Amino acid sequence: PKLILRSADDLVLELEAWDPIGQGRRIEGARVTISGQDARGSSVYSGLRAGKYAWQVEAPGYVWRTGEADLDQKTSGRRLRVPLVPQVVVVQG
């Protein structure tokens, strides 16, 4: 799914939830949020202005992450793979 935000600068930011454990793969069904807008899976945000964008990526069974992306002409169009670590439950006794 693509979530599109429009502005004069027309820069592009792509975020993708990634499982770095084992073979490493895209996490299906992850929720990606930037500037208060939600999307599922790999999300492309276009029509953005240069600046800093706060993001959050979460998926069932994984520890969620937040961060900030600096977006300008140089970084526009790059895919940001956000590694999520699986949640681990230890049962004793």
PDB file of N, CA and C in Angstrom:
ATOM      1  N   PRO A   1       0.831  -1.196   0.000  1.00  0.00           N
ATOM      2  CA  PRO A   1       0.000   0.000   0.000  1.00  0.00           C
ATOM      3  C   PRO A   1       0.869   1.252   0.000  1.00  0.00           C
ATOM      4  N   LYS A   2       0.395   2.265  -0.651  1.00  0.00           N
ATOM      5  CA  LYS A   2       1.133   3.520  -0.699  1.00  0.00           C
ATOM      6  C   LYS A   2       0.290   4.610  -0.068  1.00  0.00           C
ATOM      7  N   LEU A   3       0.921   5.371   0.801  1.00  0.00           N
ATOM      8  CA  LEU A   3       0.273   6.508   1.433  1.00  0.00           C
ATOM      9  C   LEU A   3       0.976   7.738   0.904  1.00  0.00           C
ATOM     10  N   ILE A   4       0.247   8.642   0.277  1.00  0.00           N
ATOM     11  CA  ILE A   4       0.875   9.778  -0.403  1.00  0.00           C
ATOM     12  C   ILE A   4       0.526  11.088   0.281  1.00  0.00           C
ATOM     13  N   LEU A   5       1.547  11.856   0.613  1.00  0.00           N
ATOM     14  CA  LEU A   5       1.390  13.206   1.152  1.00  0.00           C
ATOM     15  C   LEU A   5       1.974  14.151   0.106  1.00  0.00           C
ATOM     16  N   ARG A   6       1.292  15.223  -0.247  1.00  0.00           N
ATOM     17  CA  ARG A   6       1.733  16.134  -1.317  1.00  0.00           C
ATOM     18  C   ARG A   6       2.287  17.451  -0.764  1.00  0.00           C
ATOM     19  N   SER A   7       3.323  17.945  -1.427  1.00  0.00           N
ATOM     20  CA  SER A   7       3.862  19.274  -1.144  1.00  0.00           C
ATOM     21  C   SER A   7       4.682  19.727  -2.337  1.00  0.00           C
ATOM     22  N   ALA A   8       5.201  20.938  -2.250  1.00  0.00           N
ATOM     23  CA  ALA A   8       5.925  21.532  -3.374  1.00  0.00           C
ATOM     24  C   ALA A   8       7.258  20.839  -3.666  1.00  0.00           C
ATOM     25  N   ASP A   9       7.937  20.320  -2.661  1.00  0.00           N
ATOM     26  CA  ASP A   9       9.267  19.747  -2.878  1.00  0.00           C
ATOM     27  C   ASP A   9       9.239  18.393  -3.584  1.00  0.00           C
ATOM     28  N   ASP A  10       8.173  17.635  -3.430  1.00  0.00           N
ATOM     29  CA  ASP A  10       8.002  16.341  -4.091  1.00  0.00           C
ATOM     30  C   ASP A  10       9.133  15.363  -3.804  1.00  0.00           C
ATOM     31  N   LEU A  11       9.572  15.265  -2.543  1.00  0.00           N
ATOM     32  CA  LEU A  11      10.580  14.289  -2.144  1.00  0.00           C
ATOM     33  C   LEU A  11       9.876  12.995  -1.740  1.00  0.00           C
ATOM     34  N   VAL A  12      10.622  11.887  -1.757  1.00  0.00           N
ATOM     35  CA  VAL A  12      10.045  10.568  -1.489  1.00  0.00           C
ATOM     36  C   VAL A  12      10.801   9.885  -0.358  1.00  0.00           C
ATOM     37  N   LEU A  13      10.043   9.263   0.558  1.00  0.00           N
ATOM     38  CA  LEU A  13      10.614   8.487   1.657  1.00  0.00           C
ATOM     39  C   LEU A  13       9.905   7.143   1.689  1.00  0.00           C
ATOM     40  N   GLU A  14      10.686   6.057   1.679  1.00  0.00           N
ATOM     41  CA  GLU A  14      10.105   4.715   1.760  1.00  0.00           C
ATOM     42  C   GLU A  14      10.619   4.023   3.017  1.00  0.00           C
ATOM     43  N   LEU A  15       9.690   3.485   3.793  1.00  0.00           N
ATOM     44  CA  LEU A  15      10.022   2.748   5.015  1.00  0.00           C
ATOM     45  C   LEU A  15       9.551   1.318   4.861  1.00  0.00           C
ATOM     46  N   GLU A  16      10.372   0.366   5.367  1.00  0.00           N
ATOM     47  CA  GLU A  16      10.026  -1.040   5.262  1.00  0.00           C
ATOM     48  C   GLU A  16      10.429  -1.753   6.549  1.00  0.00           C
ATOM     49  N   ALA A  17       9.501  -2.519   7.121  1.00  0.00           N
ATOM     50  CA  ALA A  17       9.804  -3.331   8.304  1.00  0.00           C
ATOM     51  C   ALA A  17      10.593  -4.555   7.853  1.00  0.00           C
ATOM     52  N   TRP A  18      11.682  -4.833   8.537  1.00  0.00           N
ATOM     53  CA  TRP A  18      12.602  -5.879   8.126  1.00  0.00           C
ATOM     54  C   TRP A  18      12.944  -6.768   9.304  1.00  0.00           C
ATOM     55  N   ASP A  19      12.953  -8.080   9.088  1.00  0.00           N
ATOM     56  CA  ASP A  19      13.345  -9.057  10.114  1.00  0.00           C
ATOM     57  C   ASP A  19      14.799  -9.440   9.850  1.00  0.00           C
ATOM     58  N   PRO A  20      15.741  -8.967  10.676  1.00  0.00           N
ATOM     59  CA  PRO A  20      17.153  -9.218  10.412  1.00  0.00           C
ATOM     60  C   PRO A  20      17.628 -10.598  10.873  1.00  0.00           C
ATOM     61  N   ILE A  21      16.792 -11.336  11.591  1.00  0.00           N
ATOM     62  CA  ILE A  21      17.175 -12.644  12.138  1.00  0.00           C
ATOM     63  C   ILE A  21      17.055 -13.707  11.047  1.00  0.00           C
ATOM     64  N   GLY A  22      17.981 -14.655  11.051  1.00  0.00           N
ATOM     65  CA  GLY A  22      17.923 -15.743  10.072  1.00  0.00           C
ATOM     66  C   GLY A  22      18.240 -15.256   8.681  1.00  0.00           C
ATOM     67  N   GLN A  23      17.336 -15.517   7.730  1.00  0.00           N
ATOM     68  CA  GLN A  23      17.579 -15.151   6.338  1.00  0.00           C
ATOM     69  C   GLN A  23      17.281 -13.676   6.064  1.00  0.00           C
ATOM     70  N   GLY A  24      16.618 -13.023   6.978  1.00  0.00           N
ATOM     71  CA  GLY A  24      16.258 -11.622   6.768  1.00  0.00           C
ATOM     72  C   GLY A  24      15.178 -11.508   5.711  1.00  0.00           C
ATOM     73  N   ARG A  25      14.098 -10.848   6.066  1.00  0.00           N
ATOM     74  CA  ARG A  25      12.982 -10.726   5.133  1.00  0.00           C
ATOM     75  C   ARG A  25      12.101  -9.566   5.537  1.00  0.00           C
ATOM     76  N   ARG A  26      11.308  -9.115   4.589  1.00  0.00           N
ATOM     77  CA  ARG A  26      10.317  -8.066   4.851  1.00  0.00           C
ATOM     78  C   ARG A  26       9.230  -8.654   5.739  1.00  0.00           C
ATOM     79  N   ILE A  27       8.738  -7.868   6.688  1.00  0.00           N
ATOM     80  CA  ILE A  27       7.691  -8.321   7.594  1.00  0.00           C
ATOM     81  C   ILE A  27       6.342  -7.903   7.021  1.00  0.00           C
ATOM     82  N   GLU A  28       5.573  -8.878   6.602  1.00  0.00           N
ATOM     83  CA  GLU A  28       4.247  -8.615   6.063  1.00  0.00           C
ATOM     84  C   GLU A  28       3.313  -8.164   7.183  1.00  0.00           C
ATOM     85  N   GLY A  29       2.432  -7.227   6.898  1.00  0.00           N
ATOM     86  CA  GLY A  29       1.439  -6.778   7.868  1.00  0.00           C
ATOM     87  C   GLY A  29       1.959  -5.789   8.895  1.00  0.00           C
ATOM     88  N   ALA A  30       3.199  -5.325   8.726  1.00  0.00           N
ATOM     89  CA  ALA A  30       3.744  -4.332   9.656  1.00  0.00           C
ATOM     90  C   ALA A  30       3.005  -3.011   9.465  1.00  0.00           C
ATOM     91  N   ARG A  31       2.936  -2.225  10.532  1.00  0.00           N
ATOM     92  CA  ARG A  31       2.317  -0.897  10.446  1.00  0.00           C
ATOM     93  C   ARG A  31       3.415   0.153  10.497  1.00  0.00           C
ATOM     94  N   VAL A  32       3.399   1.026   9.504  1.00  0.00           N
ATOM     95  CA  VAL A  32       4.388   2.092   9.387  1.00  0.00           C
ATOM     96  C   VAL A  32       3.660   3.424   9.555  1.00  0.00           C
ATOM     97  N   THR A  33       4.185   4.283  10.431  1.00  0.00           N
ATOM     98  CA  THR A  33       3.576   5.588  10.667  1.00  0.00           C
ATOM     99  C   THR A  33       4.629   6.677  10.472  1.00  0.00           C
ATOM    100  N   ILE A  34       4.259   7.695   9.708  1.00  0.00           N
ATOM    101  CA  ILE A  34       5.103   8.881   9.561  1.00  0.00           C
ATOM    102  C   ILE A  34       4.177  10.091   9.521  1.00  0.00           C
ATOM    103  N   SER A  35       4.535  11.103  10.250  1.00  0.00           N
ATOM    104  CA  SER A  35       3.735  12.337  10.309  1.00  0.00           C
ATOM    105  C   SER A  35       2.273  12.051  10.641  1.00  0.00           C
ATOM    106  N   GLY A  36       2.051  11.054  11.491  1.00  0.00           N
ATOM    107  CA  GLY A  36       0.696  10.725  11.928  1.00  0.00           C
ATOM    108  C   GLY A  36      -0.127   9.947  10.919  1.00  0.00           C
ATOM    109  N   GLN A  37       0.465   9.572   9.782  1.00  0.00           N
ATOM    110  CA  GLN A  37      -0.236   8.810   8.753  1.00  0.00           C
ATOM    111  C   GLN A  37       0.200   7.349   8.809  1.00  0.00           C
ATOM    112  N   ASP A  38      -0.764   6.426   8.843  1.00  0.00           N
ATOM    113  CA  ASP A  38      -0.486   4.995   8.932  1.00  0.00           C
ATOM    114  C   ASP A  38      -0.588   4.316   7.577  1.00  0.00           C
ATOM    115  N   ALA A  39       0.195   3.258   7.418  1.00  0.00           N
ATOM    116  CA  ALA A  39       0.099   2.385   6.252  1.00  0.00           C
ATOM    117  C   ALA A  39       0.559   0.995   6.683  1.00  0.00           C
ATOM    118  N   ARG A  40       0.337   0.010   5.857  1.00  0.00           N
ATOM    119  CA  ARG A  40       0.737  -1.372   6.144  1.00  0.00           C
ATOM    120  C   ARG A  40       1.866  -1.792   5.208  1.00  0.00           C
ATOM    121  N   GLY A  41       2.766  -2.626   5.726  1.00  0.00           N
ATOM    122  CA  GLY A  41       3.851  -3.168   4.909  1.00  0.00           C
ATOM    123  C   GLY A  41       4.872  -2.112   4.531  1.00  0.00           C
ATOM    124  N   SER A  42       5.417  -2.243   3.356  1.00  0.00           N
ATOM    125  CA  SER A  42       6.360  -1.259   2.843  1.00  0.00           C
ATOM    126  C   SER A  42       5.563  -0.035   2.419  1.00  0.00           C
ATOM    127  N   SER A  43       5.947   1.122   2.902  1.00  0.00           N
ATOM    128  CA  SER A  43       5.161   2.328   2.659  1.00  0.00           C
ATOM    129  C   SER A  43       5.992   3.395   1.970  1.00  0.00           C
ATOM    130  N   VAL A  44       5.439   3.944   0.903  1.00  0.00           N
ATOM    131  CA  VAL A  44       6.098   5.007   0.154  1.00  0.00           C
ATOM    132  C   VAL A  44       5.337   6.303   0.414  1.00  0.00           C
ATOM    133  N   TYR A  45       6.048   7.294   0.898  1.00  0.00           N
ATOM    134  CA  TYR A  45       5.470   8.609   1.157  1.00  0.00           C
ATOM    135  C   TYR A  45       6.091   9.561   0.156  1.00  0.00           C
ATOM    136  N   SER A  46       5.284  10.162  -0.707  1.00  0.00           N
ATOM    137  CA  SER A  46       5.831  11.066  -1.720  1.00  0.00           C
ATOM    138  C   SER A  46       5.221  12.450  -1.563  1.00  0.00           C
ATOM    139  N   GLY A  47       5.806  13.406  -2.261  1.00  0.00           N
ATOM    140  CA  GLY A  47       5.328  14.776  -2.176  1.00  0.00           C
ATOM    141  C   GLY A  47       5.736  15.453  -0.875  1.00  0.00           C
ATOM    142  N   LEU A  48       6.814  14.979  -0.262  1.00  0.00           N
ATOM    143  CA  LEU A  48       7.253  15.528   1.022  1.00  0.00           C
ATOM    144  C   LEU A  48       8.218  16.691   0.834  1.00  0.00           C
ATOM    145  N   ARG A  49       8.298  17.514   1.827  1.00  0.00           N
ATOM    146  CA  ARG A  49       9.269  18.617   1.848  1.00  0.00           C
ATOM    147  C   ARG A  49      10.534  18.161   2.556  1.00  0.00           C
ATOM    148  N   ALA A  50      11.625  18.825   2.279  1.00  0.00           N
ATOM    149  CA  ALA A  50      12.878  18.533   2.966  1.00  0.00           C
ATOM    150  C   ALA A  50      12.701  18.809   4.449  1.00  0.00           C
ATOM    151  N   GLY A  51      13.292  17.952   5.278  1.00  0.00           N
ATOM    152  CA  GLY A  51      13.213  18.130   6.727  1.00  0.00           C
ATOM    153  C   GLY A  51      13.341  16.809   7.460  1.00  0.00           C
ATOM    154  N   LYS A  52      13.058  16.851   8.754  1.00  0.00           N
ATOM    155  CA  LYS A  52      13.129  15.660   9.599  1.00  0.00           C
ATOM    156  C   LYS A  52      11.721  15.101   9.781  1.00  0.00           C
ATOM    157  N   TYR A  53      11.614  13.786   9.666  1.00  0.00           N
ATOM    158  CA  TYR A  53      10.332  13.103   9.815  1.00  0.00           C
ATOM    159  C   TYR A  53      10.461  12.005  10.870  1.00  0.00           C
ATOM    160  N   ALA A  54       9.600  12.073  11.880  1.00  0.00           N
ATOM    161  CA  ALA A  54       9.555  11.030  12.904  1.00  0.00           C
ATOM    162  C   ALA A  54       8.755   9.860  12.349  1.00  0.00           C
ATOM    163  N   TRP A  55       9.229   8.631  12.602  1.00  0.00           N
ATOM    164  CA  TRP A  55       8.532   7.453  12.126  1.00  0.00           C
ATOM    165  C   TRP A  55       8.425   6.412  13.243  1.00  0.00           C
ATOM    166  N   GLN A  56       7.473   5.519  13.079  1.00  0.00           N
ATOM    167  CA  GLN A  56       7.315   4.378  13.982  1.00  0.00           C
ATOM    168  C   GLN A  56       6.940   3.171  13.135  1.00  0.00           C
ATOM    169  N   VAL A  57       7.569   2.036  13.438  1.00  0.00           N
ATOM    170  CA  VAL A  57       7.283   0.788  12.730  1.00  0.00           C
ATOM    171  C   VAL A  57       6.993  -0.282  13.772  1.00  0.00           C
ATOM    172  N   GLU A  58       5.888  -1.011  13.577  1.00  0.00           N
ATOM    173  CA  GLU A  58       5.526  -2.079  14.511  1.00  0.00           C
ATOM    174  C   GLU A  58       4.879  -3.231  13.760  1.00  0.00           C
ATOM    175  N   ALA A  59       4.990  -4.424  14.343  1.00  0.00           N
ATOM    176  CA  ALA A  59       4.394  -5.626  13.762  1.00  0.00           C
ATOM    177  C   ALA A  59       4.115  -6.604  14.889  1.00  0.00           C
ATOM    178  N   PRO A  60       3.038  -7.377  14.783  1.00  0.00           N
ATOM    179  CA  PRO A  60       2.736  -8.379  15.814  1.00  0.00           C
ATOM    180  C   PRO A  60       3.899  -9.359  15.977  1.00  0.00           C
ATOM    181  N   GLY A  61       4.290  -9.589  17.234  1.00  0.00           N
ATOM    182  CA  GLY A  61       5.377 -10.521  17.524  1.00  0.00           C
ATOM    183  C   GLY A  61       6.765  -9.909  17.497  1.00  0.00           C
ATOM    184  N   TYR A  62       6.844  -8.591  17.259  1.00  0.00           N
ATOM    185  CA  TYR A  62       8.135  -7.898  17.188  1.00  0.00           C
ATOM    186  C   TYR A  62       8.137  -6.695  18.116  1.00  0.00           C
ATOM    187  N   VAL A  63       9.319  -6.292  18.540  1.00  0.00           N
ATOM    188  CA  VAL A  63       9.482  -5.083  19.350  1.00  0.00           C
ATOM    189  C   VAL A  63       9.424  -3.887  18.398  1.00  0.00           C
ATOM    190  N   TRP A  64       8.543  -2.921  18.677  1.00  0.00           N
ATOM    191  CA  TRP A  64       8.382  -1.760  17.803  1.00  0.00           C
ATOM    192  C   TRP A  64       9.588  -0.830  17.914  1.00  0.00           C
ATOM    193  N   ARG A  65       9.769  -0.005  16.887  1.00  0.00           N
ATOM    194  CA  ARG A  65      10.874   0.958  16.859  1.00  0.00           C
ATOM    195  C   ARG A  65      10.383   2.315  16.398  1.00  0.00           C
ATOM    196  N   THR A  66      11.049   3.329  16.880  1.00  0.00           N
ATOM    197  CA  THR A  66      10.800   4.691  16.421  1.00  0.00           C
ATOM    198  C   THR A  66      12.137   5.287  15.991  1.00  0.00           C
ATOM    199  N   GLY A  67      12.063   6.326  15.198  1.00  0.00           N
ATOM    200  CA  GLY A  67      13.280   6.982  14.759  1.00  0.00           C
ATOM    201  C   GLY A  67      12.949   8.256  14.021  1.00  0.00           C
ATOM    202  N   GLU A  68      13.977   8.810  13.412  1.00  0.00           N
ATOM    203  CA  GLU A  68      13.816  10.054  12.680  1.00  0.00           C
ATOM    204  C   GLU A  68      14.608   9.945  11.378  1.00  0.00           C
ATOM    205  N   ALA A  69      14.016  10.407  10.304  1.00  0.00           N
ATOM    206  CA  ALA A  69      14.688  10.392   9.004  1.00  0.00           C
ATOM    207  C   ALA A  69      14.894  11.823   8.533  1.00  0.00           C
ATOM    208  N   ASP A  70      16.124  12.132   8.111  1.00  0.00           N
ATOM    209  CA  ASP A  70      16.438  13.422   7.490  1.00  0.00           C
ATOM    210  C   ASP A  70      16.196  13.269   5.997  1.00  0.00           C
ATOM    211  N   LEU A  71      15.290  14.055   5.467  1.00  0.00           N
ATOM    212  CA  LEU A  71      14.949  13.948   4.057  1.00  0.00           C
ATOM    213  C   LEU A  71      15.382  15.204   3.322  1.00  0.00           C
ATOM    214  N   ASP A  72      16.134  15.020   2.242  1.00  0.00           N
ATOM    215  CA  ASP A  72      16.530  16.121   1.371  1.00  0.00           C
ATOM    216  C   ASP A  72      16.678  15.573  -0.053  1.00  0.00           C
ATOM    217  N   GLN A  73      17.138  16.377  -0.984  1.00  0.00           N
ATOM    218  CA  GLN A  73      17.280  15.934  -2.372  1.00  0.00           C
ATOM    219  C   GLN A  73      18.204  14.719  -2.491  1.00  0.00           C
ATOM    220  N   LYS A  74      19.215  14.660  -1.638  1.00  0.00           N
ATOM    221  CA  LYS A  74      20.192  13.577  -1.676  1.00  0.00           C
ATOM    222  C   LYS A  74      19.610  12.248  -1.181  1.00  0.00           C
ATOM    223  N   THR A  75      18.784  12.306  -0.152  1.00  0.00           N
ATOM    224  CA  THR A  75      18.246  11.086   0.449  1.00  0.00           C
ATOM    225  C   THR A  75      16.880  10.689  -0.104  1.00  0.00           C
ATOM    226  N   SER A  76      16.264  11.537  -0.899  1.00  0.00           N
ATOM    227  CA  SER A  76      14.947  11.259  -1.462  1.00  0.00           C
ATOM    228  C   SER A  76      14.986   9.998  -2.326  1.00  0.00           C
ATOM    229  N   GLY A  77      13.994   9.140  -2.145  1.00  0.00           N
ATOM    230  CA  GLY A  77      13.884   7.933  -2.940  1.00  0.00           C
ATOM    231  C   GLY A  77      14.574   6.714  -2.359  1.00  0.00           C
ATOM    232  N   ARG A  78      15.348   6.888  -1.312  1.00  0.00           N
ATOM    233  CA  ARG A  78      16.018   5.749  -0.693  1.00  0.00           C
ATOM    234  C   ARG A  78      15.042   4.974   0.175  1.00  0.00           C
ATOM    235  N   ARG A  79      15.245   3.675   0.232  1.00  0.00           N
ATOM    236  CA  ARG A  79      14.421   2.819   1.085  1.00  0.00           C
ATOM    237  C   ARG A  79      15.108   2.681   2.445  1.00  0.00           C
ATOM    238  N   LEU A  80      14.366   2.970   3.501  1.00  0.00           N
ATOM    239  CA  LEU A  80      14.862   2.812   4.858  1.00  0.00           C
ATOM    240  C   LEU A  80      14.311   1.500   5.402  1.00  0.00           C
ATOM    241  N   ARG A  81      15.170   0.506   5.538  1.00  0.00           N
ATOM    242  CA  ARG A  81      14.775  -0.776   6.114  1.00  0.00           C
ATOM    243  C   ARG A  81      14.945  -0.683   7.620  1.00  0.00           C
ATOM    244  N   VAL A  82      13.837  -0.858   8.316  1.00  0.00           N
ATOM    245  CA  VAL A  82      13.838  -0.753   9.777  1.00  0.00           C
ATOM    246  C   VAL A  82      13.831  -2.163  10.351  1.00  0.00           C
ATOM    247  N   PRO A  83      14.949  -2.583  10.968  1.00  0.00           N
ATOM    248  CA  PRO A  83      14.988  -3.934  11.528  1.00  0.00           C
ATOM    249  C   PRO A  83      14.193  -4.027  12.833  1.00  0.00           C
ATOM    250  N   LEU A  84      13.285  -4.996  12.894  1.00  0.00           N
ATOM    251  CA  LEU A  84      12.516  -5.246  14.105  1.00  0.00           C
ATOM    252  C   LEU A  84      12.982  -6.574  14.699  1.00  0.00           C
ATOM    253  N   VAL A  85      13.171  -6.610  16.004  1.00  0.00           N
ATOM    254  CA  VAL A  85      13.627  -7.807  16.706  1.00  0.00           C
ATOM    255  C   VAL A  85      12.403  -8.548  17.218  1.00  0.00           C
ATOM    256  N   PRO A  86      12.358  -9.873  17.004  1.00  0.00           N
ATOM    257  CA  PRO A  86      11.225 -10.647  17.522  1.00  0.00           C
ATOM    258  C   PRO A  86      11.128 -10.548  19.049  1.00  0.00           C
ATOM    259  N   GLN A  87       9.896 -10.482  19.539  1.00  0.00           N
ATOM    260  CA  GLN A  87       9.673 -10.499  20.979  1.00  0.00           C
ATOM    261  C   GLN A  87       9.940 -11.906  21.481  1.00  0.00           C
ATOM    262  N   VAL A  88      10.541 -12.005  22.638  1.00  0.00           N
ATOM    263  CA  VAL A  88      10.859 -13.307  23.204  1.00  0.00           C
ATOM    264  C   VAL A  88      10.223 -13.399  24.580  1.00  0.00           C
ATOM    265  N   VAL A  89       9.520 -14.508  24.811  1.00  0.00           N
ATOM    266  CA  VAL A  89       8.911 -14.751  26.124  1.00  0.00           C
ATOM    267  C   VAL A  89       9.611 -15.967  26.715  1.00  0.00           C
ATOM    268  N   VAL A  90      10.134 -15.812  27.930  1.00  0.00           N
ATOM    269  CA  VAL A  90      10.807 -16.915  28.618  1.00  0.00           C
ATOM    270  C   VAL A  90       9.887 -17.415  29.717  1.00  0.00           C
ATOM    271  N   VAL A  91       9.574 -18.705  29.651  1.00  0.00           N
ATOM    272  CA  VAL A  91       8.716 -19.317  30.658  1.00  0.00           C
ATOM    273  C   VAL A  91       9.564 -20.260  31.478  1.00  0.00           C
ATOM    274  N   GLN A  92       9.564 -20.078  32.789  1.00  0.00           N
ATOM    275  CA  GLN A  92      10.342 -20.931  33.673  1.00  0.00           C
ATOM    276  C   GLN A  92       9.418 -21.666  34.635  1.00  0.00           C
ATOM    277  N   GLY A  93       9.868 -22.820  35.046  1.00  0.00           N
ATOM    278  CA  GLY A  93       9.145 -23.542  36.094  1.00  0.00           C
ATOM    279  C   GLY A  93       8.302 -24.573  35.583  1.00  0.00           C
TER     280      GLY A  93
END
